[in-house]
Amino acid sequence: IVKEFKASHIELEALLKLAKESLDEANNDLNDGFIRGAISSSYYCFLHLMRALLLQKGIIVKSHQGIKTKFSQEFILKNKIDKKFGKIVSDLLEDRLDADYAPLKEFTKEQAEKAIEEAEEFSILATKILNL
């Protein structure tokens, strides 16, 4: 269910803070050898940033899939954000689910490093767009 309203700076800044914490967690997990945690936290960085971007437009979406879909509709398909980020977030959502729920799935340090790099790149872009 999508609701529309005007977002406050406080809410947007709180989501940016969550995104930064997730990115910090990803880096800490990677440094401590927790590859799955690094991948999962990288995804959550994206999730919080997508929520903030949507919220700034007055859009609230509850589910992960809903956020991804609405983000794609509002930013990727309208060419406001490079479509590569649509692919990255789709892949990262799948990896996050596997990292959290598929114990036999193997991940490499390189995959985690790539996820963190992509989250960092998206964080810079999203912060610029949010312009807080």
C-alpha atoms as a PDB file:
ATOM      1  CA  ILE A   1       0.000   0.000   0.000  1.00  0.00           C
ATOM      2  CA  VAL A   2       1.396   3.379  -1.001  1.00  0.00           C
ATOM      3  CA  LYS A   3       0.557   6.437   1.067  1.00  0.00           C
ATOM      4  CA  GLU A   4       1.422   9.995   0.092  1.00  0.00           C
ATOM      5  CA  PHE A   5       2.459  12.832   2.398  1.00  0.00           C
ATOM      6  CA  LYS A   6       5.211  15.415   2.915  1.00  0.00           C
ATOM      7  CA  ALA A   7       8.343  14.051   4.582  1.00  0.00           C
ATOM      8  CA  SER A   8      10.144  15.937   7.326  1.00  0.00           C
ATOM      9  CA  HIS A   9      13.890  16.620   7.310  1.00  0.00           C
ATOM     10  CA  ILE A  10      14.116  14.724  10.602  1.00  0.00           C
ATOM     11  CA  GLU A  11      12.786  11.521   9.016  1.00  0.00           C
ATOM     12  CA  LEU A  12      15.030  11.868   5.971  1.00  0.00           C
ATOM     13  CA  GLU A  13      18.088  12.501   8.129  1.00  0.00           C
ATOM     14  CA  ALA A  14      17.205   9.484  10.289  1.00  0.00           C
ATOM     15  CA  LEU A  15      17.136   7.268   7.175  1.00  0.00           C
ATOM     16  CA  LEU A  16      20.490   8.693   6.059  1.00  0.00           C
ATOM     17  CA  LYS A  17      21.873   7.894   9.501  1.00  0.00           C
ATOM     18  CA  LEU A  18      20.584   4.303   9.229  1.00  0.00           C
ATOM     19  CA  ALA A  19      22.171   4.003   5.785  1.00  0.00           C
ATOM     20  CA  LYS A  20      25.520   5.225   7.132  1.00  0.00           C
ATOM     21  CA  GLU A  21      25.300   2.818  10.080  1.00  0.00           C
ATOM     22  CA  SER A  22      24.573  -0.048   7.681  1.00  0.00           C
ATOM     23  CA  LEU A  23      27.569   0.909   5.559  1.00  0.00           C
ATOM     24  CA  ASP A  24      29.768   1.112   8.670  1.00  0.00           C
ATOM     25  CA  GLU A  25      28.472  -2.322   9.749  1.00  0.00           C
ATOM     26  CA  ALA A  26      29.273  -3.716   6.298  1.00  0.00           C
ATOM     27  CA  ASN A  27      32.845  -2.448   6.520  1.00  0.00           C
ATOM     28  CA  ASN A  28      33.253  -3.713  10.090  1.00  0.00           C
ATOM     29  CA  ASP A  29      31.840  -7.127   9.150  1.00  0.00           C
ATOM     30  CA  LEU A  30      34.184  -7.363   6.175  1.00  0.00           C
ATOM     31  CA  ASN A  31      37.177  -6.412   8.332  1.00  0.00           C
ATOM     32  CA  ASP A  32      36.139  -9.051  10.890  1.00  0.00           C
ATOM     33  CA  GLY A  33      35.710 -11.736   8.196  1.00  0.00           C
ATOM     34  CA  PHE A  34      31.903 -11.818   8.273  1.00  0.00           C
ATOM     35  CA  ILE A  35      31.226 -11.880   4.535  1.00  0.00           C
ATOM     36  CA  ARG A  36      27.495 -12.603   4.832  1.00  0.00           C
ATOM     37  CA  GLY A  37      27.028  -9.760   7.281  1.00  0.00           C
ATOM     38  CA  ALA A  38      28.901  -7.381   4.972  1.00  0.00           C
ATOM     39  CA  ILE A  39      26.631  -8.288   2.058  1.00  0.00           C
ATOM     40  CA  SER A  40      23.485  -8.023   4.145  1.00  0.00           C
ATOM     41  CA  SER A  41      24.472  -4.659   5.614  1.00  0.00           C
ATOM     42  CA  SER A  42      25.402  -3.309   2.152  1.00  0.00           C
ATOM     43  CA  TYR A  43      21.898  -4.163   1.001  1.00  0.00           C
ATOM     44  CA  TYR A  44      20.364  -2.402   4.016  1.00  0.00           C
ATOM     45  CA  CYS A  45      22.364   0.719   3.155  1.00  0.00           C
ATOM     46  CA  PHE A  46      20.659   0.688  -0.259  1.00  0.00           C
ATOM     47  CA  LEU A  47      17.262  -0.003   1.306  1.00  0.00           C
ATOM     48  CA  HIS A  48      17.443   2.955   3.698  1.00  0.00           C
ATOM     49  CA  LEU A  49      18.609   5.262   0.909  1.00  0.00           C
ATOM     50  CA  MET A  50      15.835   4.141  -1.427  1.00  0.00           C
ATOM     51  CA  ARG A  51      13.301   4.682   1.362  1.00  0.00           C
ATOM     52  CA  ALA A  52      14.671   8.202   1.901  1.00  0.00           C
ATOM     53  CA  LEU A  53      14.513   9.046  -1.810  1.00  0.00           C
ATOM     54  CA  LEU A  54      10.929   7.808  -2.011  1.00  0.00           C
ATOM     55  CA  LEU A  55       9.973   9.514   1.248  1.00  0.00           C
ATOM     56  CA  GLN A  56      11.282  12.826  -0.062  1.00  0.00           C
ATOM     57  CA  LYS A  57       8.758  12.433  -2.890  1.00  0.00           C
ATOM     58  CA  GLY A  58       6.044  11.766  -0.296  1.00  0.00           C
ATOM     59  CA  ILE A  59       5.919   8.025  -0.950  1.00  0.00           C
ATOM     60  CA  ILE A  60       5.961   5.362   1.771  1.00  0.00           C
ATOM     61  CA  VAL A  61       6.219   1.713   0.815  1.00  0.00           C
ATOM     62  CA  LYS A  62       6.322  -1.009   3.485  1.00  0.00           C
ATOM     63  CA  SER A  63       7.910  -4.108   1.882  1.00  0.00           C
ATOM     64  CA  HIS A  64      11.434  -4.584   0.533  1.00  0.00           C
ATOM     65  CA  GLN A  65      10.085  -5.682  -2.848  1.00  0.00           C
ATOM     66  CA  GLY A  66       7.650  -2.769  -2.885  1.00  0.00           C
ATOM     67  CA  ILE A  67      10.439  -0.298  -2.148  1.00  0.00           C
ATOM     68  CA  LYS A  68      12.573  -1.778  -4.927  1.00  0.00           C
ATOM     69  CA  THR A  69       9.672  -1.683  -7.407  1.00  0.00           C
ATOM     70  CA  LYS A  70       8.577   1.866  -6.548  1.00  0.00           C
ATOM     71  CA  PHE A  71      12.201   3.082  -6.572  1.00  0.00           C
ATOM     72  CA  SER A  72      12.592   1.622 -10.051  1.00  0.00           C
ATOM     73  CA  GLN A  73       9.376   3.303 -11.237  1.00  0.00           C
ATOM     74  CA  GLU A  74      10.219   6.700  -9.746  1.00  0.00           C
ATOM     75  CA  PHE A  75      13.960   6.928 -10.371  1.00  0.00           C
ATOM     76  CA  ILE A  76      15.322   4.283 -12.754  1.00  0.00           C
ATOM     77  CA  LEU A  77      12.565   4.259 -15.388  1.00  0.00           C
ATOM     78  CA  LYS A  78      12.365   8.072 -15.328  1.00  0.00           C
ATOM     79  CA  ASN A  79      16.161   8.272 -15.891  1.00  0.00           C
ATOM     80  CA  LYS A  80      16.755  10.208 -12.658  1.00  0.00           C
ATOM     81  CA  ILE A  81      19.244   7.572 -11.467  1.00  0.00           C
ATOM     82  CA  ASP A  82      21.488   5.398 -13.643  1.00  0.00           C
ATOM     83  CA  LYS A  83      19.804   2.101 -14.449  1.00  0.00           C
ATOM     84  CA  LYS A  84      22.909   0.226 -13.260  1.00  0.00           C
ATOM     85  CA  PHE A  85      21.681   0.895  -9.717  1.00  0.00           C
ATOM     86  CA  GLY A  86      18.413  -0.887 -10.497  1.00  0.00           C
ATOM     87  CA  LYS A  87      20.386  -3.984 -11.466  1.00  0.00           C
ATOM     88  CA  ILE A  88      22.718  -3.649  -8.481  1.00  0.00           C
ATOM     89  CA  VAL A  89      19.869  -3.426  -5.964  1.00  0.00           C
ATOM     90  CA  SER A  90      18.071  -6.411  -7.557  1.00  0.00           C
ATOM     91  CA  ASP A  91      21.233  -8.506  -7.372  1.00  0.00           C
ATOM     92  CA  LEU A  92      22.018  -7.313  -3.865  1.00  0.00           C
ATOM     93  CA  LEU A  93      18.500  -8.116  -2.628  1.00  0.00           C
ATOM     94  CA  GLU A  94      18.941 -11.667  -3.923  1.00  0.00           C
ATOM     95  CA  ASP A  95      22.401 -11.922  -2.331  1.00  0.00           C
ATOM     96  CA  ARG A  96      21.058 -10.530   0.956  1.00  0.00           C
ATOM     97  CA  LEU A  97      18.330 -13.162   1.033  1.00  0.00           C
ATOM     98  CA  ASP A  98      20.888 -15.895   0.313  1.00  0.00           C
ATOM     99  CA  ALA A  99      23.318 -14.469   2.882  1.00  0.00           C
ATOM    100  CA  ASP A 100      20.604 -14.478   5.533  1.00  0.00           C
ATOM    101  CA  TYR A 101      18.688 -17.636   4.655  1.00  0.00           C
ATOM    102  CA  ALA A 102      20.759 -19.970   2.428  1.00  0.00           C
ATOM    103  CA  PRO A 103      23.465 -21.489   4.650  1.00  0.00           C
ATOM    104  CA  LEU A 104      24.970 -23.535   1.807  1.00  0.00           C
ATOM    105  CA  LYS A 105      25.456 -20.539  -0.501  1.00  0.00           C
ATOM    106  CA  GLU A 106      29.092 -19.463  -0.621  1.00  0.00           C
ATOM    107  CA  PHE A 107      30.205 -15.844  -0.880  1.00  0.00           C
ATOM    108  CA  THR A 108      33.673 -14.435  -1.500  1.00  0.00           C
ATOM    109  CA  LYS A 109      35.434 -11.513   0.100  1.00  0.00           C
ATOM    110  CA  GLU A 110      35.469  -9.904  -3.359  1.00  0.00           C
ATOM    111  CA  GLN A 111      31.663 -10.085  -3.566  1.00  0.00           C
ATOM    112  CA  ALA A 112      31.385  -8.329  -0.216  1.00  0.00           C
ATOM    113  CA  GLU A 113      33.932  -5.683  -1.230  1.00  0.00           C
ATOM    114  CA  LYS A 114      31.998  -5.042  -4.444  1.00  0.00           C
ATOM    115  CA  ALA A 115      28.697  -4.738  -2.538  1.00  0.00           C
ATOM    116  CA  ILE A 116      30.269  -2.206  -0.171  1.00  0.00           C
ATOM    117  CA  GLU A 117      31.764  -0.188  -3.048  1.00  0.00           C
ATOM    118  CA  GLU A 118      28.373  -0.089  -4.775  1.00  0.00           C
ATOM    119  CA  ALA A 119      26.639   0.940  -1.542  1.00  0.00           C
ATOM    120  CA  GLU A 120      29.215   3.708  -1.032  1.00  0.00           C
ATOM    121  CA  GLU A 121      28.712   4.960  -4.603  1.00  0.00           C
ATOM    122  CA  PHE A 122      24.922   4.915  -4.222  1.00  0.00           C
ATOM    123  CA  SER A 123      25.186   6.648  -0.853  1.00  0.00           C
ATOM    124  CA  ILE A 124      27.083   9.570  -2.403  1.00  0.00           C
ATOM    125  CA  LEU A 125      24.551   9.845  -5.228  1.00  0.00           C
ATOM    126  CA  ALA A 126      21.476   9.557  -2.995  1.00  0.00           C
ATOM    127  CA  THR A 127      22.875  12.112  -0.518  1.00  0.00           C
ATOM    128  CA  LYS A 128      23.395  14.554  -3.400  1.00  0.00           C
ATOM    129  CA  ILE A 129      19.834  14.030  -4.632  1.00  0.00           C
ATOM    130  CA  LEU A 130      18.371  14.392  -1.129  1.00  0.00           C
ATOM    131  CA  ASN A 131      20.342  17.623  -0.691  1.00  0.00           C
ATOM    132  CA  LEU A 132      19.824  17.844   3.097  1.00  0.00           C
END
